Amino acid sequence: MKKLIVASFILLLAACSGGDEQAKVATKPNEPLTKSKNSPQFNQSFSQLTDAYFLLKENFITGNDTAIIATAKKLILAADSLQLKELKADSSIVETAKSFSQSLSAELKGLIGEKVLLQKRKSFNVVTDLVYNLIRTVQYDREVVYYQRCPMAFEEGDPNAFWLSKSSDIRNPYHPKTMLTCGEVVDSLKYIP
């Protein structure tokens, strides 16, 4: 029996004797960052467009008319400066994107010309639809964009109004003083590879 215990002890020591060697940890090589299907020039120009849009939405939340007009002008410049020639897509997609960006620029000029904030908000709803459709057309893959809806934005006609957000949190630009958190996420645009 003593021999069995001694043999077991020797086997145990032999199994554990590799203590001088450090365990080799499998290291995973750095994985490449996700690569956009579009060119960096296009992505940069489109990022300027979405940034200007999100700032315009925030200006509607604050209700600052001067800031709304200034940001709408930035958004016009971004829409007119889109690097659509750098978009890696077939010609029909490029032409559709060009049509949306031209319509966006025209609608923003109309928004700037409106004198009443309610009318500017109605125009912002159209701007939102154009930007939403533009994102879907080009499948912008650098950020997730949430398409959100207020079911009670307007009293006349269709009461629904939409806006885009970088977050799923609701910040309603149509009724910021009375219903800032009223609304819902209708869609999320996620083309990130």
N, C-alpha and C. Protein backbone atom coordinates (compact mmCIF):
# COMPACT_ATOMS: atom_id res chain seq x y z
N MET A 1 0.82 -1.18 0.00
CA MET A 1 0.00 0.00 0.00
C MET A 1 0.87 1.26 0.00
N LYS A 2 2.03 1.17 0.79
CA LYS A 2 2.92 2.30 0.83
C LYS A 2 3.49 2.57 -0.56
N LYS A 3 3.79 1.49 -1.29
CA LYS A 3 4.34 1.64 -2.61
C LYS A 3 3.34 2.32 -3.54
N LEU A 4 2.07 2.02 -3.37
CA LEU A 4 1.02 2.63 -4.19
C LEU A 4 0.91 4.13 -3.91
N ILE A 5 0.99 4.49 -2.65
CA ILE A 5 0.90 5.91 -2.28
C ILE A 5 2.12 6.66 -2.81
N VAL A 6 3.33 6.06 -2.65
CA VAL A 6 4.55 6.70 -3.12
C VAL A 6 4.51 6.84 -4.64
N ALA A 7 4.03 5.82 -5.34
CA ALA A 7 3.94 5.86 -6.80
C ALA A 7 2.96 6.93 -7.25
N SER A 8 1.84 7.02 -6.55
CA SER A 8 0.84 8.05 -6.88
C SER A 8 1.41 9.44 -6.66
N PHE A 9 2.19 9.59 -5.56
CA PHE A 9 2.78 10.88 -5.25
C PHE A 9 3.81 11.27 -6.31
N ILE A 10 4.60 10.30 -6.78
CA ILE A 10 5.60 10.55 -7.81
C ILE A 10 4.91 10.94 -9.13
N LEU A 11 3.83 10.24 -9.47
CA LEU A 11 3.08 10.58 -10.69
C LEU A 11 2.49 11.98 -10.60
N LEU A 12 1.99 12.30 -9.42
CA LEU A 12 1.40 13.63 -9.21
C LEU A 12 2.47 14.72 -9.38
N LEU A 13 3.65 14.47 -8.79
CA LEU A 13 4.75 15.43 -8.94
C LEU A 13 5.19 15.55 -10.40
N ALA A 14 5.22 14.44 -11.10
CA ALA A 14 5.64 14.45 -12.50
C ALA A 14 4.64 15.23 -13.34
N ALA A 15 3.36 15.07 -13.04
CA ALA A 15 2.32 15.78 -13.79
C ALA A 15 2.39 17.27 -13.54
N CYS A 16 2.75 17.65 -12.34
CA CYS A 16 2.77 19.07 -11.98
C CYS A 16 4.15 19.68 -12.12
N SER A 17 5.15 18.90 -12.51
CA SER A 17 6.52 19.40 -12.51
C SER A 17 6.81 20.41 -13.62
N GLY A 18 5.94 20.64 -14.51
CA GLY A 18 6.15 21.62 -15.58
C GLY A 18 6.01 23.04 -15.07
N GLY A 19 6.12 23.27 -13.76
CA GLY A 19 5.90 24.57 -13.15
C GLY A 19 6.90 25.62 -13.55
N ASP A 20 8.10 25.23 -14.00
CA ASP A 20 9.09 26.21 -14.39
C ASP A 20 8.73 26.90 -15.70
N GLU A 21 8.02 26.19 -16.53
CA GLU A 21 7.60 26.78 -17.80
C GLU A 21 6.30 27.53 -17.59
N GLN A 22 6.24 28.73 -18.12
CA GLN A 22 4.99 29.48 -18.02
C GLN A 22 4.04 28.96 -19.08
N ALA A 23 2.81 28.93 -18.71
CA ALA A 23 1.80 28.48 -19.66
C ALA A 23 1.78 29.42 -20.85
N LYS A 24 1.74 28.82 -22.00
CA LYS A 24 1.69 29.63 -23.22
C LYS A 24 0.25 30.06 -23.45
N VAL A 25 0.06 31.37 -23.54
CA VAL A 25 -1.26 31.92 -23.76
C VAL A 25 -1.41 32.17 -25.26
N ALA A 26 -2.45 31.62 -25.78
CA ALA A 26 -2.71 31.84 -27.21
C ALA A 26 -3.08 33.30 -27.41
N THR A 27 -2.30 33.99 -28.19
CA THR A 27 -2.60 35.39 -28.47
C THR A 27 -3.21 35.48 -29.85
N LYS A 28 -4.20 36.28 -29.91
CA LYS A 28 -4.90 36.50 -31.17
C LYS A 28 -4.31 37.73 -31.83
N PRO A 29 -3.89 37.62 -33.07
CA PRO A 29 -3.34 38.82 -33.71
C PRO A 29 -4.40 39.91 -33.81
N ASN A 30 -3.94 41.15 -33.85
CA ASN A 30 -4.88 42.26 -33.98
C ASN A 30 -5.70 42.08 -35.24
N GLU A 31 -7.00 42.16 -35.06
CA GLU A 31 -7.88 42.03 -36.21
C GLU A 31 -8.00 43.38 -36.90
N PRO A 32 -8.10 43.39 -38.20
CA PRO A 32 -8.24 44.68 -38.90
C PRO A 32 -9.58 45.33 -38.54
N LEU A 33 -9.58 46.64 -38.55
CA LEU A 33 -10.82 47.37 -38.32
C LEU A 33 -11.79 47.04 -39.45
N THR A 34 -13.07 47.17 -39.16
CA THR A 34 -14.04 46.91 -40.22
C THR A 34 -13.80 47.89 -41.35
N LYS A 35 -13.90 47.39 -42.52
CA LYS A 35 -13.61 48.20 -43.69
C LYS A 35 -14.92 48.60 -44.37
N SER A 36 -15.04 49.86 -44.65
CA SER A 36 -16.22 50.37 -45.33
C SER A 36 -16.20 49.94 -46.79
N LYS A 37 -17.39 49.75 -47.33
CA LYS A 37 -17.46 49.42 -48.75
C LYS A 37 -17.30 50.68 -49.60
N ASN A 38 -17.43 51.86 -48.96
CA ASN A 38 -17.29 53.12 -49.69
C ASN A 38 -15.93 53.75 -49.43
N SER A 39 -15.57 54.69 -50.25
CA SER A 39 -14.27 55.35 -50.14
C SER A 39 -14.22 56.27 -48.92
N PRO A 40 -13.03 56.54 -48.41
CA PRO A 40 -12.90 57.48 -47.29
C PRO A 40 -13.42 58.88 -47.65
N GLN A 41 -13.23 59.30 -48.90
CA GLN A 41 -13.71 60.63 -49.32
C GLN A 41 -15.24 60.69 -49.25
N PHE A 42 -15.90 59.64 -49.73
CA PHE A 42 -17.36 59.62 -49.65
C PHE A 42 -17.80 59.60 -48.20
N ASN A 43 -17.20 58.73 -47.40
CA ASN A 43 -17.60 58.60 -45.99
C ASN A 43 -17.42 59.91 -45.24
N GLN A 44 -16.33 60.62 -45.51
CA GLN A 44 -16.12 61.89 -44.84
C GLN A 44 -17.19 62.91 -45.24
N SER A 45 -17.50 62.98 -46.52
CA SER A 45 -18.52 63.93 -46.96
C SER A 45 -19.90 63.56 -46.42
N PHE A 46 -20.18 62.27 -46.34
CA PHE A 46 -21.49 61.84 -45.83
C PHE A 46 -21.58 62.06 -44.31
N SER A 47 -20.46 61.89 -43.63
CA SER A 47 -20.42 62.16 -42.20
C SER A 47 -20.72 63.64 -41.91
N GLN A 48 -20.21 64.53 -42.76
CA GLN A 48 -20.51 65.96 -42.60
C GLN A 48 -22.01 66.21 -42.77
N LEU A 49 -22.62 65.49 -43.70
CA LEU A 49 -24.06 65.63 -43.92
C LEU A 49 -24.85 65.15 -42.70
N THR A 50 -24.52 63.97 -42.18
CA THR A 50 -25.27 63.45 -41.03
C THR A 50 -25.01 64.31 -39.79
N ASP A 51 -23.78 64.76 -39.60
CA ASP A 51 -23.50 65.63 -38.45
C ASP A 51 -24.33 66.91 -38.51
N ALA A 52 -24.41 67.51 -39.69
CA ALA A 52 -25.21 68.74 -39.84
C ALA A 52 -26.69 68.44 -39.60
N TYR A 53 -27.16 67.30 -40.09
CA TYR A 53 -28.57 66.92 -39.85
C TYR A 53 -28.83 66.79 -38.35
N PHE A 54 -27.97 66.06 -37.63
CA PHE A 54 -28.19 65.84 -36.20
C PHE A 54 -28.14 67.15 -35.42
N LEU A 55 -27.29 68.07 -35.85
CA LEU A 55 -27.23 69.39 -35.22
C LEU A 55 -28.52 70.17 -35.50
N LEU A 56 -29.03 70.06 -36.72
CA LEU A 56 -30.29 70.71 -37.06
C LEU A 56 -31.42 70.18 -36.18
N LYS A 57 -31.46 68.88 -35.98
CA LYS A 57 -32.47 68.28 -35.11
C LYS A 57 -32.36 68.85 -33.69
N GLU A 58 -31.14 68.96 -33.18
CA GLU A 58 -30.94 69.52 -31.83
C GLU A 58 -31.39 70.97 -31.78
N ASN A 59 -31.17 71.72 -32.86
CA ASN A 59 -31.61 73.11 -32.88
C ASN A 59 -33.13 73.22 -32.88
N PHE A 60 -33.82 72.25 -33.47
CA PHE A 60 -35.28 72.23 -33.39
C PHE A 60 -35.72 71.92 -31.95
N ILE A 61 -34.95 71.13 -31.24
CA ILE A 61 -35.29 70.84 -29.84
C ILE A 61 -35.17 72.09 -28.99
N THR A 62 -34.13 72.88 -29.24
CA THR A 62 -33.96 74.12 -28.47
C THR A 62 -34.87 75.23 -28.98
N GLY A 63 -35.31 75.13 -30.24
CA GLY A 63 -36.20 76.13 -30.81
C GLY A 63 -35.50 77.42 -31.20
N ASN A 64 -34.18 77.38 -31.34
CA ASN A 64 -33.40 78.56 -31.67
C ASN A 64 -33.43 78.79 -33.18
N ASP A 65 -34.24 79.76 -33.61
CA ASP A 65 -34.45 80.01 -35.03
C ASP A 65 -33.17 80.40 -35.77
N THR A 66 -32.34 81.22 -35.14
CA THR A 66 -31.08 81.63 -35.77
C THR A 66 -30.17 80.42 -36.00
N ALA A 67 -30.10 79.54 -35.00
CA ALA A 67 -29.27 78.33 -35.13
C ALA A 67 -29.86 77.38 -36.17
N ILE A 68 -31.19 77.30 -36.23
CA ILE A 68 -31.84 76.44 -37.23
C ILE A 68 -31.44 76.89 -38.64
N ILE A 69 -31.51 78.17 -38.89
CA ILE A 69 -31.17 78.70 -40.22
C ILE A 69 -29.69 78.47 -40.53
N ALA A 70 -28.81 78.75 -39.57
CA ALA A 70 -27.37 78.57 -39.79
C ALA A 70 -27.04 77.10 -40.06
N THR A 71 -27.65 76.20 -39.32
CA THR A 71 -27.37 74.78 -39.50
C THR A 71 -27.99 74.26 -40.80
N ALA A 72 -29.15 74.77 -41.17
CA ALA A 72 -29.76 74.38 -42.44
C ALA A 72 -28.83 74.77 -43.60
N LYS A 73 -28.18 75.91 -43.48
CA LYS A 73 -27.22 76.32 -44.51
C LYS A 73 -26.03 75.37 -44.56
N LYS A 74 -25.55 74.92 -43.39
CA LYS A 74 -24.45 73.93 -43.35
C LYS A 74 -24.89 72.63 -44.01
N LEU A 75 -26.13 72.25 -43.76
CA LEU A 75 -26.64 71.00 -44.33
C LEU A 75 -26.78 71.13 -45.85
N ILE A 76 -27.17 72.29 -46.33
CA ILE A 76 -27.22 72.52 -47.79
C ILE A 76 -25.83 72.34 -48.38
N LEU A 77 -24.84 72.96 -47.75
CA LEU A 77 -23.46 72.86 -48.23
C LEU A 77 -23.01 71.39 -48.23
N ALA A 78 -23.34 70.65 -47.17
CA ALA A 78 -22.96 69.23 -47.10
C ALA A 78 -23.66 68.41 -48.18
N ALA A 79 -24.94 68.70 -48.43
CA ALA A 79 -25.68 67.97 -49.47
C ALA A 79 -25.12 68.27 -50.85
N ASP A 80 -24.77 69.54 -51.08
CA ASP A 80 -24.23 69.93 -52.38
C ASP A 80 -22.79 69.45 -52.58
N SER A 81 -22.10 69.14 -51.48
CA SER A 81 -20.70 68.73 -51.55
C SER A 81 -20.49 67.22 -51.41
N LEU A 82 -21.56 66.47 -51.40
CA LEU A 82 -21.42 65.00 -51.28
C LEU A 82 -20.52 64.46 -52.39
N GLN A 83 -19.61 63.64 -52.03
CA GLN A 83 -18.66 63.05 -52.99
C GLN A 83 -19.28 61.80 -53.62
N LEU A 84 -20.34 62.00 -54.38
CA LEU A 84 -21.07 60.87 -54.96
C LEU A 84 -20.25 60.13 -56.01
N LYS A 85 -19.27 60.81 -56.62
CA LYS A 85 -18.40 60.13 -57.58
C LYS A 85 -17.53 59.08 -56.89
N GLU A 86 -17.36 59.24 -55.57
CA GLU A 86 -16.55 58.31 -54.78
C GLU A 86 -17.40 57.17 -54.20
N LEU A 87 -18.69 57.20 -54.45
CA LEU A 87 -19.59 56.15 -53.97
C LEU A 87 -19.36 54.89 -54.78
N LYS A 88 -19.08 53.80 -54.09
CA LYS A 88 -18.82 52.54 -54.80
C LYS A 88 -20.14 51.80 -54.98
N ALA A 89 -20.82 52.18 -56.05
CA ALA A 89 -22.13 51.59 -56.36
C ALA A 89 -22.37 51.74 -57.85
N ASP A 90 -23.41 51.04 -58.31
CA ASP A 90 -23.70 51.16 -59.75
C ASP A 90 -24.31 52.53 -60.04
N SER A 91 -24.36 52.87 -61.31
CA SER A 91 -24.76 54.22 -61.73
C SER A 91 -26.19 54.57 -61.33
N SER A 92 -27.09 53.59 -61.27
CA SER A 92 -28.47 53.90 -60.88
C SER A 92 -28.55 54.31 -59.41
N ILE A 93 -27.74 53.71 -58.57
CA ILE A 93 -27.72 54.10 -57.15
C ILE A 93 -27.12 55.50 -57.01
N VAL A 94 -26.06 55.76 -57.74
CA VAL A 94 -25.44 57.08 -57.70
C VAL A 94 -26.43 58.15 -58.16
N GLU A 95 -27.17 57.88 -59.23
CA GLU A 95 -28.15 58.84 -59.74
C GLU A 95 -29.30 59.04 -58.73
N THR A 96 -29.74 57.97 -58.09
CA THR A 96 -30.79 58.09 -57.08
C THR A 96 -30.30 58.93 -55.91
N ALA A 97 -29.07 58.67 -55.47
CA ALA A 97 -28.49 59.44 -54.37
C ALA A 97 -28.36 60.91 -54.75
N LYS A 98 -27.97 61.16 -55.99
CA LYS A 98 -27.85 62.54 -56.47
C LYS A 98 -29.21 63.24 -56.45
N SER A 99 -30.24 62.53 -56.86
CA SER A 99 -31.59 63.09 -56.85
C SER A 99 -32.04 63.44 -55.42
N PHE A 100 -31.77 62.52 -54.47
CA PHE A 100 -32.13 62.80 -53.07
C PHE A 100 -31.34 63.99 -52.53
N SER A 101 -30.06 64.09 -52.85
CA SER A 101 -29.26 65.20 -52.31
C SER A 101 -29.71 66.54 -52.91
N GLN A 102 -30.10 66.54 -54.18
CA GLN A 102 -30.61 67.77 -54.80
C GLN A 102 -31.96 68.17 -54.19
N SER A 103 -32.82 67.19 -53.98
CA SER A 103 -34.12 67.48 -53.35
C SER A 103 -33.92 67.97 -51.92
N LEU A 104 -32.96 67.39 -51.23
CA LEU A 104 -32.65 67.81 -49.86
C LEU A 104 -32.21 69.27 -49.83
N SER A 105 -31.33 69.63 -50.73
CA SER A 105 -30.85 71.01 -50.81
C SER A 105 -32.01 71.98 -51.09
N ALA A 106 -32.90 71.60 -52.02
CA ALA A 106 -34.05 72.46 -52.35
C ALA A 106 -35.00 72.59 -51.16
N GLU A 107 -35.26 71.48 -50.46
CA GLU A 107 -36.17 71.53 -49.31
C GLU A 107 -35.59 72.39 -48.19
N LEU A 108 -34.28 72.30 -47.99
CA LEU A 108 -33.65 73.11 -46.95
C LEU A 108 -33.73 74.60 -47.28
N LYS A 109 -33.63 74.95 -48.55
CA LYS A 109 -33.78 76.35 -48.95
C LYS A 109 -35.20 76.83 -48.64
N GLY A 110 -36.18 75.94 -48.84
CA GLY A 110 -37.55 76.27 -48.48
C GLY A 110 -37.71 76.42 -46.97
N LEU A 111 -37.05 75.55 -46.21
CA LEU A 111 -37.11 75.62 -44.75
C LEU A 111 -36.56 76.96 -44.26
N ILE A 112 -35.45 77.39 -44.84
CA ILE A 112 -34.85 78.67 -44.45
C ILE A 112 -35.81 79.83 -44.73
N GLY A 113 -36.57 79.73 -45.82
CA GLY A 113 -37.50 80.79 -46.19
C GLY A 113 -38.76 80.85 -45.35
N GLU A 114 -39.08 79.80 -44.62
CA GLU A 114 -40.29 79.79 -43.78
C GLU A 114 -40.13 80.76 -42.61
N LYS A 115 -41.21 81.46 -42.29
CA LYS A 115 -41.17 82.44 -41.21
C LYS A 115 -41.67 81.88 -39.88
N VAL A 116 -42.53 80.86 -39.94
CA VAL A 116 -43.16 80.30 -38.73
C VAL A 116 -42.47 78.99 -38.37
N LEU A 117 -42.17 78.81 -37.08
CA LEU A 117 -41.46 77.61 -36.62
C LEU A 117 -42.22 76.33 -36.96
N LEU A 118 -43.55 76.34 -36.86
CA LEU A 118 -44.33 75.15 -37.20
C LEU A 118 -44.10 74.76 -38.66
N GLN A 119 -44.05 75.73 -39.55
CA GLN A 119 -43.81 75.45 -40.97
C GLN A 119 -42.38 74.91 -41.17
N LYS A 120 -41.44 75.45 -40.40
CA LYS A 120 -40.07 74.94 -40.48
C LYS A 120 -40.03 73.48 -40.01
N ARG A 121 -40.81 73.16 -38.99
CA ARG A 121 -40.84 71.78 -38.50
C ARG A 121 -41.46 70.85 -39.56
N LYS A 122 -42.47 71.33 -40.26
CA LYS A 122 -43.06 70.50 -41.33
C LYS A 122 -42.04 70.27 -42.43
N SER A 123 -41.26 71.28 -42.74
CA SER A 123 -40.21 71.13 -43.74
C SER A 123 -39.12 70.19 -43.23
N PHE A 124 -38.81 70.27 -41.94
CA PHE A 124 -37.83 69.37 -41.34
C PHE A 124 -38.27 67.91 -41.47
N ASN A 125 -39.57 67.67 -41.39
CA ASN A 125 -40.09 66.32 -41.58
C ASN A 125 -39.76 65.80 -42.99
N VAL A 126 -39.89 66.66 -43.98
CA VAL A 126 -39.55 66.30 -45.37
C VAL A 126 -38.04 66.09 -45.48
N VAL A 127 -37.27 66.97 -44.87
CA VAL A 127 -35.81 66.83 -44.86
C VAL A 127 -35.42 65.48 -44.27
N THR A 128 -36.06 65.11 -43.19
CA THR A 128 -35.78 63.82 -42.55
C THR A 128 -36.03 62.67 -43.50
N ASP A 129 -37.16 62.69 -44.20
CA ASP A 129 -37.45 61.61 -45.15
C ASP A 129 -36.40 61.53 -46.25
N LEU A 130 -35.94 62.69 -46.71
CA LEU A 130 -34.92 62.70 -47.76
C LEU A 130 -33.58 62.14 -47.26
N VAL A 131 -33.18 62.53 -46.05
CA VAL A 131 -31.93 62.02 -45.49
C VAL A 131 -32.05 60.52 -45.21
N TYR A 132 -33.18 60.11 -44.67
CA TYR A 132 -33.43 58.68 -44.41
C TYR A 132 -33.31 57.86 -45.70
N ASN A 133 -33.95 58.31 -46.75
CA ASN A 133 -33.89 57.60 -48.03
C ASN A 133 -32.50 57.66 -48.66
N LEU A 134 -31.80 58.75 -48.44
CA LEU A 134 -30.43 58.86 -48.93
C LEU A 134 -29.51 57.85 -48.22
N ILE A 135 -29.65 57.75 -46.90
CA ILE A 135 -28.85 56.78 -46.14
C ILE A 135 -29.15 55.36 -46.61
N ARG A 136 -30.41 55.07 -46.83
CA ARG A 136 -30.79 53.73 -47.30
C ARG A 136 -30.26 53.46 -48.71
N THR A 137 -30.26 54.48 -49.54
CA THR A 137 -29.79 54.31 -50.92
C THR A 137 -28.30 54.00 -50.97
N VAL A 138 -27.51 54.80 -50.24
CA VAL A 138 -26.05 54.62 -50.29
C VAL A 138 -25.56 53.57 -49.29
N GLN A 139 -26.44 53.15 -48.39
CA GLN A 139 -26.11 52.19 -47.33
C GLN A 139 -24.86 52.65 -46.57
N TYR A 140 -24.97 53.85 -46.03
CA TYR A 140 -23.88 54.45 -45.26
C TYR A 140 -23.53 53.54 -44.09
N ASP A 141 -22.26 53.11 -44.03
CA ASP A 141 -21.88 52.07 -43.09
C ASP A 141 -20.90 52.51 -42.00
N ARG A 142 -20.95 53.78 -41.64
CA ARG A 142 -20.04 54.25 -40.59
C ARG A 142 -20.72 54.46 -39.25
N GLU A 143 -22.04 54.43 -39.20
CA GLU A 143 -22.75 54.57 -37.93
C GLU A 143 -24.16 54.02 -38.05
N VAL A 144 -24.72 53.68 -36.91
CA VAL A 144 -26.11 53.23 -36.86
C VAL A 144 -26.98 54.48 -36.72
N VAL A 145 -28.04 54.54 -37.50
CA VAL A 145 -28.95 55.68 -37.45
C VAL A 145 -30.36 55.16 -37.16
N TYR A 146 -31.01 55.79 -36.19
CA TYR A 146 -32.36 55.39 -35.79
C TYR A 146 -33.39 56.32 -36.41
N TYR A 147 -34.41 55.73 -36.97
CA TYR A 147 -35.52 56.46 -37.59
C TYR A 147 -36.65 56.45 -36.57
N GLN A 148 -37.03 57.63 -36.09
CA GLN A 148 -37.99 57.74 -35.00
C GLN A 148 -39.22 58.52 -35.42
N ARG A 149 -40.32 58.27 -34.70
CA ARG A 149 -41.61 58.85 -35.10
C ARG A 149 -42.33 59.45 -33.91
N CYS A 150 -42.95 60.60 -34.17
CA CYS A 150 -43.89 61.21 -33.23
C CYS A 150 -45.28 61.06 -33.85
N PRO A 151 -46.18 60.36 -33.19
CA PRO A 151 -47.50 60.14 -33.79
C PRO A 151 -48.47 61.32 -33.65
N MET A 152 -48.03 62.38 -32.95
CA MET A 152 -48.93 63.52 -32.72
C MET A 152 -48.26 64.84 -33.04
N ALA A 153 -47.39 64.87 -34.04
CA ALA A 153 -46.61 66.09 -34.32
C ALA A 153 -47.46 67.22 -34.87
N PHE A 154 -48.38 66.86 -35.76
CA PHE A 154 -49.15 67.90 -36.44
C PHE A 154 -50.64 67.66 -36.26
N GLU A 155 -51.38 68.74 -36.23
CA GLU A 155 -52.83 68.64 -36.05
C GLU A 155 -53.55 68.45 -37.37
N GLU A 156 -53.02 69.02 -38.45
CA GLU A 156 -53.68 68.94 -39.75
C GLU A 156 -53.09 67.79 -40.56
N GLY A 157 -53.91 67.16 -41.37
CA GLY A 157 -53.42 66.10 -42.25
C GLY A 157 -52.86 64.94 -41.48
N ASP A 158 -51.75 64.41 -41.94
CA ASP A 158 -51.08 63.29 -41.29
C ASP A 158 -50.37 63.79 -40.03
N PRO A 159 -50.76 63.29 -38.86
CA PRO A 159 -50.15 63.79 -37.62
C PRO A 159 -48.73 63.26 -37.38
N ASN A 160 -48.32 62.23 -38.13
CA ASN A 160 -47.01 61.63 -37.92
C ASN A 160 -45.88 62.52 -38.43
N ALA A 161 -44.78 62.51 -37.68
CA ALA A 161 -43.57 63.19 -38.12
C ALA A 161 -42.39 62.33 -37.70
N PHE A 162 -41.31 62.44 -38.45
CA PHE A 162 -40.16 61.57 -38.25
C PHE A 162 -38.89 62.38 -38.06
N TRP A 163 -37.91 61.77 -37.43
CA TRP A 163 -36.58 62.34 -37.31
C TRP A 163 -35.57 61.21 -37.18
N LEU A 164 -34.31 61.54 -37.38
CA LEU A 164 -33.22 60.57 -37.28
C LEU A 164 -32.40 60.89 -36.04
N SER A 165 -31.80 59.84 -35.48
CA SER A 165 -31.00 60.01 -34.28
C SER A 165 -29.83 59.03 -34.28
N LYS A 166 -28.77 59.40 -33.58
CA LYS A 166 -27.63 58.50 -33.38
C LYS A 166 -27.90 57.53 -32.24
N SER A 167 -28.96 57.78 -31.50
CA SER A 167 -29.28 56.98 -30.32
C SER A 167 -30.73 56.52 -30.39
N SER A 168 -31.02 55.42 -29.74
CA SER A 168 -32.41 54.97 -29.69
C SER A 168 -33.23 55.76 -28.68
N ASP A 169 -32.56 56.60 -27.88
CA ASP A 169 -33.28 57.47 -26.93
C ASP A 169 -34.13 58.47 -27.71
N ILE A 170 -35.31 58.75 -27.19
CA ILE A 170 -36.23 59.66 -27.86
C ILE A 170 -36.01 61.09 -27.36
N ARG A 171 -35.77 62.00 -28.33
CA ARG A 171 -35.70 63.44 -28.08
C ARG A 171 -36.46 64.10 -29.22
N ASN A 172 -37.73 64.33 -28.98
CA ASN A 172 -38.68 64.76 -29.99
C ASN A 172 -38.47 66.23 -30.41
N PRO A 173 -38.08 66.47 -31.66
CA PRO A 173 -37.86 67.85 -32.11
C PRO A 173 -39.16 68.57 -32.50
N TYR A 174 -40.28 67.87 -32.48
CA TYR A 174 -41.54 68.47 -32.89
C TYR A 174 -42.30 69.08 -31.71
N HIS A 175 -42.19 68.46 -30.54
CA HIS A 175 -42.82 68.98 -29.32
C HIS A 175 -41.83 68.89 -28.16
N PRO A 176 -40.72 69.61 -28.25
CA PRO A 176 -39.68 69.46 -27.24
C PRO A 176 -40.08 69.97 -25.85
N LYS A 177 -40.96 70.94 -25.79
CA LYS A 177 -41.32 71.50 -24.48
C LYS A 177 -42.36 70.65 -23.76
N THR A 178 -43.27 70.04 -24.50
CA THR A 178 -44.36 69.30 -23.87
C THR A 178 -44.23 67.78 -23.99
N MET A 179 -43.54 67.29 -25.02
CA MET A 179 -43.45 65.84 -25.22
C MET A 179 -42.05 65.44 -25.70
N LEU A 180 -41.02 65.89 -24.99
CA LEU A 180 -39.64 65.65 -25.42
C LEU A 180 -39.34 64.15 -25.58
N THR A 181 -39.86 63.33 -24.71
CA THR A 181 -39.55 61.89 -24.77
C THR A 181 -40.67 61.07 -25.38
N CYS A 182 -41.61 61.73 -26.03
CA CYS A 182 -42.72 61.03 -26.68
C CYS A 182 -42.31 60.64 -28.09
N GLY A 183 -42.46 59.39 -28.41
CA GLY A 183 -42.14 58.89 -29.74
C GLY A 183 -41.69 57.45 -29.68
N GLU A 184 -41.29 56.94 -30.83
CA GLU A 184 -40.85 55.55 -30.88
C GLU A 184 -39.83 55.36 -32.01
N VAL A 185 -39.00 54.34 -31.85
CA VAL A 185 -38.08 53.96 -32.92
C VAL A 185 -38.85 53.11 -33.92
N VAL A 186 -38.82 53.50 -35.16
CA VAL A 186 -39.54 52.80 -36.22
C VAL A 186 -38.60 51.89 -37.00
N ASP A 187 -37.35 52.32 -37.13
CA ASP A 187 -36.38 51.56 -37.93
C ASP A 187 -34.98 51.91 -37.44
N SER A 188 -34.05 51.02 -37.68
CA SER A 188 -32.64 51.35 -37.44
C SER A 188 -31.88 50.97 -38.69
N LEU A 189 -31.06 51.88 -39.14
CA LEU A 189 -30.26 51.68 -40.35
C LEU A 189 -28.85 51.28 -39.90
N LYS A 190 -28.54 50.03 -40.11
CA LYS A 190 -27.24 49.51 -39.67
C LYS A 190 -26.61 48.75 -40.82
N TYR A 191 -25.72 49.42 -41.51
CA TYR A 191 -25.03 48.81 -42.64
C TYR A 191 -23.56 48.55 -42.31
N ILE A 192 -23.20 48.67 -41.04
CA ILE A 192 -21.83 48.49 -40.61
C ILE A 192 -21.41 47.05 -40.91
N PRO A 193 -20.25 46.88 -41.60
CA PRO A 193 -19.83 45.52 -41.96
C PRO A 193 -19.47 44.68 -40.75
